[in-house]
Amino acid sequence: MSNNSQPDPEWEVGIRAWGPDDEPGEARWDHFHPNAPDKETAKERAVEEAKSGLYSLIGRQDGYEVYQVAGPFEPDPTTPDGDQT
């Protein structure tokens, strides 16, 4: 959270990942929506999320790239949780 006690804005981060068993040029991809105070933190949080969980996008031996970072997007004040759907 930033110093002014406002919630951190949401970012959209696109990540592509490929493993040793993938064909050349073949990759899996997904978009993540971390809340972060700045672009670099958003990228770091998205990569952490992409590496976590049982069905993570980025495996231990996989290469990956962050191919898109969009934002920041301010929370929507008309919805109770600030969701922008």
Protein backbone atom coordinates (compact mmCIF):
# COMPACT_ATOMS: atom_id res chain seq x y z
CA MET A 1 0.00 0.00 0.00
CA SER A 2 1.24 3.50 -0.69
CA ASN A 3 1.97 6.10 1.97
CA ASN A 4 -1.32 7.98 1.55
CA SER A 5 -3.22 4.90 2.84
CA GLN A 6 -5.11 4.54 -0.43
CA PRO A 7 -5.24 1.03 -1.85
CA ASP A 8 -2.57 0.28 -4.43
CA PRO A 9 -3.90 0.41 -8.00
CA GLU A 10 -4.46 -2.69 -10.08
CA TRP A 11 -2.16 -3.58 -12.99
CA GLU A 12 -2.56 -6.09 -15.80
CA VAL A 13 0.58 -8.14 -16.40
CA GLY A 14 0.93 -10.65 -19.24
CA ILE A 15 3.42 -13.50 -18.80
CA ARG A 16 4.56 -16.12 -21.31
CA ALA A 17 6.27 -19.34 -20.09
CA TRP A 18 7.90 -22.27 -21.86
CA GLY A 19 9.55 -25.44 -20.65
CA PRO A 20 12.16 -27.92 -21.86
CA ASP A 21 9.46 -30.17 -23.37
CA ASP A 22 7.81 -27.40 -25.41
CA GLU A 23 8.39 -27.11 -29.14
CA PRO A 24 10.36 -24.05 -30.32
CA GLY A 25 8.06 -21.03 -30.32
CA GLU A 26 5.46 -22.83 -28.18
CA ALA A 27 4.49 -21.11 -24.92
CA ARG A 28 1.76 -20.92 -22.32
CA TRP A 29 0.50 -17.49 -21.31
CA ASP A 30 -1.80 -15.84 -18.81
CA HIS A 31 -2.67 -12.40 -17.47
CA PHE A 32 -2.38 -11.50 -13.79
CA HIS A 33 -3.94 -8.55 -11.95
CA PRO A 34 -1.79 -7.62 -8.94
CA ASN A 35 -2.30 -4.51 -6.85
CA ALA A 36 0.97 -2.62 -6.59
CA PRO A 37 2.27 0.92 -6.06
CA ASP A 38 4.39 0.90 -9.26
CA LYS A 39 5.12 -0.99 -12.49
CA GLU A 40 8.19 -2.89 -11.25
CA THR A 41 6.40 -4.12 -8.12
CA ALA A 42 3.43 -5.19 -10.25
CA LYS A 43 5.75 -7.26 -12.47
CA GLU A 44 7.41 -8.87 -9.42
CA ARG A 45 4.06 -9.73 -7.83
CA ALA A 46 2.69 -11.18 -11.07
CA VAL A 47 5.77 -13.40 -11.49
CA GLU A 48 5.45 -14.58 -7.87
CA GLU A 49 1.79 -15.45 -8.50
CA ALA A 50 2.67 -17.21 -11.78
CA LYS A 51 5.21 -19.39 -9.93
CA SER A 52 2.94 -20.31 -7.02
CA GLY A 53 0.30 -22.98 -6.65
CA LEU A 54 -0.15 -26.53 -7.82
CA TYR A 55 -0.93 -25.54 -11.42
CA SER A 56 1.50 -22.64 -11.73
CA LEU A 57 2.17 -21.05 -15.11
CA ILE A 58 5.94 -20.96 -14.54
CA GLY A 59 7.50 -24.28 -13.56
CA ARG A 60 10.87 -24.72 -11.86
CA GLN A 61 12.72 -25.39 -15.14
CA ASP A 62 10.67 -23.03 -17.31
CA GLY A 63 11.83 -19.88 -19.00
CA TYR A 64 9.46 -16.93 -18.99
CA GLU A 65 9.02 -13.35 -20.08
CA VAL A 66 6.78 -10.50 -18.99
CA TYR A 67 5.40 -9.32 -22.33
CA GLN A 68 2.84 -6.76 -21.21
CA VAL A 69 2.27 -4.38 -18.32
CA ALA A 70 -0.80 -2.14 -18.45
CA GLY A 71 -2.03 0.28 -15.84
CA PRO A 72 -2.30 1.50 -13.26
CA PHE A 73 -6.07 1.18 -13.04
CA GLU A 74 -7.75 2.87 -10.09
CA PRO A 75 -10.36 0.87 -8.14
CA ASP A 76 -13.94 1.43 -9.28
CA PRO A 77 -15.70 3.33 -6.45
CA THR A 78 -19.15 2.12 -7.61
CA THR A 79 -18.48 -1.50 -6.62
CA PRO A 80 -18.10 -2.61 -3.00
CA ASP A 81 -14.68 -4.25 -3.46
CA GLY A 82 -13.37 -1.90 -6.16
CA ASP A 83 -13.53 -4.63 -8.80
CA GLN A 84 -13.48 -3.35 -12.37
CA THR A 85 -15.61 -6.09 -13.92
